[in-house]
Protein backbone atom coordinates (compact mmCIF):
# COMPACT_ATOMS: atom_id res chain seq x y z
CA UNK A 1 98.46 47.47 119.26
CA UNK A 2 95.38 46.23 117.31
CA UNK A 3 93.09 49.07 118.55
CA UNK A 4 95.85 51.49 117.37
CA UNK A 5 96.66 50.05 113.92
CA UNK A 6 92.91 49.82 113.07
CA UNK A 7 91.91 53.11 114.12
CA UNK A 8 94.98 54.75 112.57
CA UNK A 9 94.13 52.77 109.34
CA UNK A 10 90.47 53.62 109.48
CA UNK A 11 91.20 57.67 109.96
CA UNK A 12 93.74 57.68 107.39
CA UNK A 13 92.10 55.75 105.07
CA UNK A 14 88.70 57.89 105.23
CA UNK A 15 90.73 61.03 105.09
CA UNK A 16 92.97 60.01 102.26
CA UNK A 17 89.57 59.51 100.15
CA UNK A 18 88.29 63.00 101.08
CA UNK A 19 91.40 64.45 100.10
CA UNK A 20 92.38 62.96 96.96
CA UNK A 21 88.55 62.44 95.65
CA UNK A 22 86.79 64.94 97.70
CA UNK A 23 87.64 68.40 98.53
CA UNK A 24 91.50 68.14 97.55
CA UNK A 25 94.27 69.35 99.67
CA UNK A 26 93.51 73.03 99.33
CA UNK A 27 90.46 74.94 97.96
CA UNK A 28 90.89 78.44 96.45
CA UNK A 29 87.89 80.35 96.52
CA UNK A 30 87.67 83.84 94.72
CA UNK A 31 86.60 87.25 96.22
CA UNK A 32 83.52 87.71 95.55
CA UNK A 33 81.97 84.25 95.42
CA UNK A 34 80.27 85.14 92.19
CA UNK A 35 81.66 83.02 89.01
CA UNK A 36 84.33 84.93 87.68
CA UNK A 37 86.19 83.08 84.75
CA UNK A 38 88.97 85.68 84.99
CA UNK A 39 89.75 85.62 88.55
CA UNK A 40 89.88 81.74 88.74
CA UNK A 41 92.31 81.79 85.72
CA UNK A 42 94.59 84.00 87.60
CA UNK A 43 94.10 82.36 90.88
CA UNK A 44 94.79 78.86 89.04
CA UNK A 45 98.04 80.16 87.55
CA UNK A 46 99.27 81.79 90.82
CA UNK A 47 98.73 78.29 92.30
CA UNK A 48 100.51 76.32 89.34
CA UNK A 49 103.61 78.21 90.02
CA UNK A 50 103.65 77.40 93.59
CA UNK A 51 106.42 75.37 94.91
CA UNK A 52 105.14 71.70 95.89
CA UNK A 53 101.67 72.31 94.01
CA UNK A 54 101.41 69.27 91.80
CA UNK A 55 98.05 70.03 90.20
CA UNK A 56 95.19 72.86 90.05
CA UNK A 57 91.56 72.06 88.81
CA UNK A 58 88.34 73.96 88.58
CA UNK A 59 85.14 72.95 90.27
CA UNK A 60 81.65 73.75 90.25
CA UNK A 61 79.46 72.35 93.05
CA UNK A 62 75.42 72.29 93.02
CA UNK A 63 72.46 70.38 93.77
CA UNK A 64 69.83 68.86 91.31
CA UNK A 65 67.27 65.76 90.70
CA UNK A 66 68.00 62.76 88.87
CA UNK A 67 65.24 61.47 87.07
CA UNK A 68 64.74 57.91 85.50
CA UNK A 69 62.42 55.30 84.81
CA UNK A 70 62.88 54.04 88.48
CA UNK A 71 61.81 57.22 90.16
CA UNK A 72 63.86 60.55 90.97
CA UNK A 73 66.08 61.39 93.72
CA UNK A 74 68.22 64.34 94.82
CA UNK A 75 71.97 64.65 94.23
CA UNK A 76 75.17 66.27 94.51
CA UNK A 77 76.39 67.46 91.19
CA UNK A 78 80.30 67.87 90.84
CA UNK A 79 81.35 69.54 87.66
CA UNK A 80 85.32 69.11 87.56
CA UNK A 81 87.54 69.19 85.03
CA UNK A 82 88.30 65.51 83.54
CA UNK A 83 92.01 65.87 84.40
CA UNK A 84 91.15 65.43 87.98
CA UNK A 85 90.19 62.24 87.98
CA UNK A 86 93.22 60.99 86.06
CA UNK A 87 95.80 62.17 88.90
CA UNK A 88 97.66 59.51 90.58
CA UNK A 89 96.10 60.24 94.04
CA UNK A 90 92.58 60.13 92.25
CA UNK A 91 93.13 56.86 90.53
CA UNK A 92 94.87 55.31 93.60
CA UNK A 93 91.19 55.27 95.70
CA UNK A 94 89.10 55.55 92.95
CA UNK A 95 87.28 52.33 92.16
CA UNK A 96 85.51 51.77 88.78
CA UNK A 97 82.44 49.50 89.16
CA UNK A 98 81.06 49.51 85.48
CA UNK A 99 82.26 51.65 82.37
CA UNK A 100 84.94 54.30 82.33
CA UNK A 101 86.28 56.47 85.54
CA UNK A 102 86.98 59.48 83.37
CA UNK A 103 84.51 61.89 81.32
CA UNK A 104 85.35 62.62 77.96
CA UNK A 105 82.29 64.41 76.48
CA UNK A 106 80.19 67.15 77.93
CA UNK A 107 77.33 65.01 77.73
CA UNK A 108 78.38 61.99 79.65
CA UNK A 109 78.02 61.58 83.49
CA UNK A 110 79.70 59.37 86.33
CA UNK A 111 77.57 58.20 89.18
CA UNK A 112 78.31 56.56 92.61
CA UNK A 113 77.50 53.40 92.82
CA UNK A 114 74.76 53.47 95.41
CA UNK A 115 73.11 56.46 93.32
CA UNK A 116 73.49 54.28 90.21
CA UNK A 117 71.67 51.31 92.03
CA UNK A 118 68.75 53.62 93.51
CA UNK A 119 68.14 55.10 90.33
CA UNK A 120 68.58 51.95 88.01
CA UNK A 121 71.23 53.72 85.90
CA UNK A 122 73.36 51.27 83.37
CA UNK A 123 76.44 52.10 81.60
CA UNK A 124 75.76 53.52 78.28
CA UNK A 125 71.95 54.50 78.96
CA UNK A 126 70.34 57.94 79.25
CA UNK A 127 69.85 59.77 82.24
CA UNK A 128 68.18 63.21 82.76
CA UNK A 129 69.49 65.73 85.08
CA UNK A 130 67.20 68.41 86.52
CA UNK A 131 68.82 71.68 87.85
CA UNK A 132 67.86 75.24 88.29
CA UNK A 133 68.60 78.27 86.76
CA UNK A 134 67.94 82.09 87.58
CA UNK A 135 66.29 84.60 85.26
CA UNK A 136 66.91 88.20 84.72
CA UNK A 137 64.29 88.89 87.05
CA UNK A 138 65.28 86.51 89.78
CA UNK A 139 63.30 83.77 89.22
CA UNK A 140 64.40 80.18 89.32
CA UNK A 141 62.95 77.82 86.93
CA UNK A 142 63.79 73.92 86.36
CA UNK A 143 66.28 73.10 83.46
CA UNK A 144 66.37 69.41 82.21
CA UNK A 145 69.55 67.91 80.54
CA UNK A 146 69.91 64.55 78.92
CA UNK A 147 73.18 62.77 79.68
CA UNK A 148 74.65 59.43 78.97
CA UNK A 149 76.18 57.04 81.63
CA UNK A 150 79.82 56.71 81.13
CA UNK A 151 80.65 55.25 84.32
CA UNK A 152 79.80 53.68 87.69
CA UNK A 153 82.41 54.28 90.36
CA UNK A 154 83.08 54.05 94.13
CA UNK A 155 85.52 55.41 96.58
CA UNK A 156 85.30 52.62 98.79
CA UNK A 157 83.48 54.96 101.26
CA UNK A 158 79.53 55.33 101.23
CA UNK A 159 79.65 58.59 102.87
CA UNK A 160 81.80 60.32 100.53
CA UNK A 161 80.39 58.80 96.92
CA UNK A 162 76.63 58.01 98.11
CA UNK A 163 75.35 60.92 96.16
CA UNK A 164 77.94 61.53 93.41
CA UNK A 165 76.67 62.83 90.22
CA UNK A 166 79.93 63.88 88.07
CA UNK A 167 79.92 65.75 84.95
CA UNK A 168 82.81 67.82 83.32
CA UNK A 169 83.14 71.17 84.21
CA UNK A 170 82.04 72.74 80.88
CA UNK A 171 78.84 71.14 81.44
CA UNK A 172 78.26 72.29 84.86
CA UNK A 173 79.24 76.11 83.56
CA UNK A 174 76.29 75.45 81.17
CA UNK A 175 73.75 73.90 83.49
CA UNK A 176 74.75 75.32 87.03
CA UNK A 177 73.72 78.80 87.52
CA UNK A 178 76.25 80.87 89.57
CA UNK A 179 73.93 81.90 91.69
CA UNK A 180 73.03 78.75 93.21
CA UNK A 181 76.10 76.95 92.91
CA UNK A 182 79.51 77.19 94.09
CA UNK A 183 82.74 77.95 91.56
CA UNK A 184 86.02 77.36 93.32
CA UNK A 185 89.62 75.62 92.48
CA UNK A 186 91.07 72.44 94.18
CA UNK A 187 94.58 71.92 94.56
CA UNK A 188 96.78 69.07 95.24
CA UNK A 189 100.41 69.29 96.66
CA UNK A 190 103.09 66.84 97.00
CA UNK A 191 103.12 66.73 101.17
CA UNK A 192 99.32 67.42 102.41
CA UNK A 193 99.58 66.04 105.61
CA UNK A 194 102.93 68.20 106.68
CA UNK A 195 102.85 71.34 104.30
CA UNK A 196 99.35 72.29 103.81
CA UNK A 197 99.55 75.25 105.98
CA UNK A 198 102.86 76.45 104.64
CA UNK A 199 101.76 75.90 101.00
CA UNK A 200 98.16 77.80 101.78
CA UNK A 201 100.20 80.71 103.22
CA UNK A 202 102.36 81.18 100.34
CA UNK A 203 99.53 80.87 97.70
CA UNK A 204 97.57 83.37 99.95
CA UNK A 205 100.42 85.36 99.79
CA UNK A 206 101.04 85.31 96.17
CA UNK A 207 97.38 85.97 95.28
CA UNK A 208 97.34 89.12 97.50
CA UNK A 209 93.68 89.14 98.36
CA UNK A 210 92.24 88.29 95.15
CA UNK A 211 90.80 84.65 96.59
CA UNK A 212 90.70 82.90 99.85
CA UNK A 213 92.71 79.66 100.71
CA UNK A 214 91.36 77.02 102.70
CA UNK A 215 93.44 73.51 103.76
CA UNK A 216 91.66 70.36 104.12
CA UNK A 217 91.72 70.78 107.76
CA UNK A 218 89.69 73.93 107.64
CA UNK A 219 87.29 72.72 104.88
CA UNK A 220 86.12 69.58 107.41
CA UNK A 221 87.52 70.69 110.75
CA UNK A 222 84.69 69.21 112.93
CA UNK A 223 84.72 66.06 111.02
CA UNK A 224 88.36 65.33 111.47
CA UNK A 225 88.46 66.62 115.03
CA UNK A 226 85.90 63.92 115.54
CA UNK A 227 88.21 61.43 114.18
CA UNK A 228 90.64 62.21 116.28
CA UNK A 229 88.54 62.48 119.47
CA UNK A 230 87.53 59.18 118.66
CA UNK A 231 91.02 57.61 118.26
CA UNK A 232 92.20 59.45 121.77
CA UNK A 233 89.25 57.83 123.30
CA UNK A 234 89.97 54.42 122.06
CA UNK A 235 93.49 54.72 123.18
CA UNK A 236 92.60 55.52 126.39
CA UNK A 237 90.28 52.88 126.73
CA UNK A 238 93.12 50.60 125.80
CA UNK A 239 95.59 52.12 128.30
CA UNK A 240 93.16 51.42 131.06
CA UNK A 241 93.61 47.56 130.15
CA UNK A 242 97.29 48.34 129.96
CA UNK A 243 97.14 49.96 133.83
CA UNK A 244 94.85 46.77 134.92
CA UNK A 245 97.81 44.25 133.71
CA UNK A 246 100.27 46.64 135.47
CA UNK A 247 98.34 45.92 138.51
CA UNK A 248 98.71 42.34 137.85
CA UNK A 249 102.46 42.71 137.84
CA UNK A 250 102.43 44.37 141.11
CA UNK A 251 100.34 41.66 142.94
CA UNK A 252 102.65 39.12 141.33
CA UNK A 253 105.64 41.13 143.06
CA UNK A 254 103.96 41.25 146.44
CA UNK A 255 103.12 37.45 146.44
CA UNK A 256 106.80 37.25 145.60
CA UNK A 257 108.11 39.48 148.22
CA UNK A 258 105.49 37.74 150.86
CA UNK A 259 106.91 34.08 149.58
CA UNK A 260 110.69 35.05 149.78
CA UNK A 261 110.93 36.62 153.10
CA UNK A 262 113.37 34.42 154.50
CA UNK A 263 115.31 34.90 151.54
CA UNK A 264 115.26 38.62 151.88
CA UNK A 265 116.24 38.24 155.71
CA UNK A 266 119.16 36.04 154.41
CA UNK A 267 120.48 38.78 152.12
CA UNK A 268 120.10 41.17 154.24
CA UNK A 269 122.23 39.50 156.95
CA UNK A 270 124.87 39.23 154.83
CA UNK A 271 125.32 42.68 154.06
CA UNK A 272 122.69 43.53 151.06
CA UNK A 273 121.64 47.15 151.49
CA UNK A 274 117.92 48.50 151.29
CA UNK A 275 118.73 49.83 147.41
CA UNK A 276 120.06 46.34 146.39
CA UNK A 277 116.84 44.67 147.83
CA UNK A 278 114.71 47.15 146.21
CA UNK A 279 116.46 46.85 142.80
CA UNK A 280 115.96 42.88 143.03
CA UNK A 281 112.13 43.24 143.12
CA UNK A 282 111.96 46.17 140.66
CA UNK A 283 114.50 44.21 138.14
CA UNK A 284 111.91 41.42 138.63
CA UNK A 285 108.80 43.53 137.55
CA UNK A 286 110.69 44.82 134.52
CA UNK A 287 111.54 41.46 133.23
CA UNK A 288 108.31 40.45 133.65
CA UNK A 289 106.70 43.43 132.13
CA UNK A 290 109.09 43.00 129.40
CA UNK A 291 108.45 39.43 128.84
CA UNK A 292 104.65 40.31 128.35
CA UNK A 293 105.22 43.42 126.32
CA UNK A 294 107.40 41.99 123.83
CA UNK A 295 105.13 38.91 122.73
CA UNK A 296 102.43 41.10 122.93
CA UNK A 297 103.52 43.80 120.94
CA UNK A 298 104.38 41.21 118.00
CA UNK A 299 101.36 39.45 118.66
CA UNK A 300 99.37 42.95 118.00
CA UNK A 301 101.42 43.71 115.05
CA UNK A 302 100.73 40.26 113.45
CA UNK A 303 97.01 40.85 113.84
CA UNK A 304 96.73 44.38 113.04
CA UNK A 305 98.74 43.55 109.91
CA UNK A 306 96.33 40.67 108.84
CA UNK A 307 93.27 42.58 110.28
CA UNK A 308 91.17 42.52 107.04
CA UNK A 309 91.83 38.79 106.08
CA UNK A 310 90.53 37.91 109.92
CA UNK A 311 87.68 40.05 109.61
CA UNK A 312 86.73 38.52 106.45
CA UNK A 313 87.26 35.20 107.95
CA UNK A 314 85.06 35.80 111.17
CA UNK A 315 82.20 37.28 108.94
CA UNK A 316 82.41 34.02 106.70
CA UNK A 317 82.10 31.98 109.66
CA UNK A 318 79.47 33.98 111.38
CA UNK A 319 77.43 33.89 107.74
CA UNK A 320 77.73 30.31 107.92
CA UNK A 321 76.30 29.53 111.18
CA UNK A 322 74.08 32.39 110.41
CA UNK A 323 72.54 30.57 107.16
CA UNK A 324 72.17 27.22 109.39
CA UNK A 325 69.92 29.13 111.33
CA UNK A 326 68.16 30.74 108.22
CA UNK A 327 69.61 34.20 108.81
CA UNK A 328 71.21 36.61 106.37
CA UNK A 329 74.66 37.45 105.62
CA UNK A 330 76.65 38.85 108.48
CA UNK A 331 78.96 41.92 108.08
CA UNK A 332 81.49 43.26 111.09
CA UNK A 333 82.25 46.15 109.09
CA UNK A 334 79.38 47.47 107.27
CA UNK A 335 80.36 49.07 103.96
CA UNK A 336 77.70 51.94 104.59
CA UNK A 337 79.78 53.13 107.44
CA UNK A 338 83.22 51.80 107.31
CA UNK A 339 85.70 51.31 104.59
CA UNK A 340 85.54 48.10 102.55
CA UNK A 341 89.43 47.50 103.14
CA UNK A 342 91.03 48.71 106.14
CA UNK A 343 94.71 50.27 105.26
CA UNK A 344 97.11 48.88 107.51
CA UNK A 345 99.06 52.07 109.35
CA UNK A 346 101.62 51.52 111.85
CA UNK A 347 103.23 54.27 113.77
CA UNK A 348 106.58 52.78 115.14
CA UNK A 349 107.08 56.12 117.19
CA UNK A 350 103.74 55.17 118.85
CA UNK A 351 104.54 51.33 119.23
CA UNK A 352 107.50 51.95 120.66
CA UNK A 353 106.14 54.47 123.22
CA UNK A 354 103.16 52.04 124.06
CA UNK A 355 105.93 49.07 124.81
CA UNK A 356 107.99 51.31 126.78
CA UNK A 357 104.98 52.83 128.95
CA UNK A 358 103.68 49.46 129.40
CA UNK A 359 106.98 48.41 131.20
CA UNK A 360 107.27 51.61 133.03
CA UNK A 361 103.79 51.20 134.38
CA UNK A 362 104.73 47.73 135.67
CA UNK A 363 107.87 48.94 137.23
CA UNK A 364 106.11 52.11 138.79
CA UNK A 365 103.20 49.80 140.05
CA UNK A 366 105.40 47.41 141.75
CA UNK A 367 107.66 50.22 143.62
CA UNK A 368 105.59 50.02 146.95
CA UNK A 369 106.36 46.21 147.18
CA UNK A 370 109.85 46.70 146.52
CA UNK A 371 110.22 49.80 149.26
CA UNK A 372 108.04 47.30 151.46
CA UNK A 373 110.80 44.49 151.03
CA UNK A 374 113.92 46.96 151.42
CA UNK A 375 112.42 48.33 154.64
CA UNK A 376 112.04 45.11 156.32
CA UNK A 377 114.17 43.89 159.31
CA UNK A 378 116.26 40.83 159.02
CA UNK A 379 116.15 39.91 162.68
CA UNK A 380 112.37 40.31 162.53
CA UNK A 381 111.89 38.08 159.60
CA UNK A 382 114.21 35.36 161.11
CA UNK A 383 112.47 35.20 164.29
CA UNK A 384 109.27 34.86 162.22
CA UNK A 385 110.32 32.28 159.72
């Protein structure tokens, strides 16, 4: 139960952040891929009229170099309409470390927390961003633009926002050349997990070949498949633990059959059938498994629902011991690789299935012992005992 809650929470928390702050639920790429404002405007109008669509924003992605007194570093530039960051889903997962979380002017810039720390950026301070522009004869030359740091932000997941450099869409159109950047539409819908494919089909059909529509699963299919495979492997390992517990129940029933040989002989002597004898021990294994599964599920739910507090408590205790030994702070969940806060996701259907399969495995593993008791002869048992 704890493994399932933590795995589902981690995967859902990471996926939600990528959907709401990164790729969006759907993306619309114009054909041809070169920047064409009229094509984007037409596609945005079509998408906005589609049922289930809650928002459409233009975005340009490119690469650049941040120049500061602390040095220079590469960055991923996102030029997106400012209203994207005011969207309910974006606000839910975007954490403002310092300053503001919305760009209001074309000369303002927002940085990811780690990137801001690396370049020594402070809110209100100047920052130079170097990009490339393509001349008419095909040469690429550098262009440096001065920005003012409006805010330092974090998504709570290092891999997503580590290199974030966010500017307005108008600024992106000005400093990001169409030949070396990507221009597309970000779309959000009301049910991204259930209706992404259906909505993508409706938009694509209405566009009539004007642009290509991709769902969030298609945009990062390898990444999300990796998450799901990891979850399945963890659950498989835990299933093996459950099977070991089922074997223990079988061993207990086997010992019970041996210890109750005389009782079995007496029951059969007074008319108990083989099926009735078998059912006695199967009910015994069923009740034993249920008596273990019920408190186990409740304990797993309790631990899973309070996993963040438990982890923080363990980290505090280990950090205290480490400090006594002159060591550093101990982090069980490194923010560089995991979420800073694990969402609690409980799949009640999976919970019921786990409990049912646990009891079923225990009963099936005890079937051989129950059959042995059912096939025993009462006279042989009475002579022996």
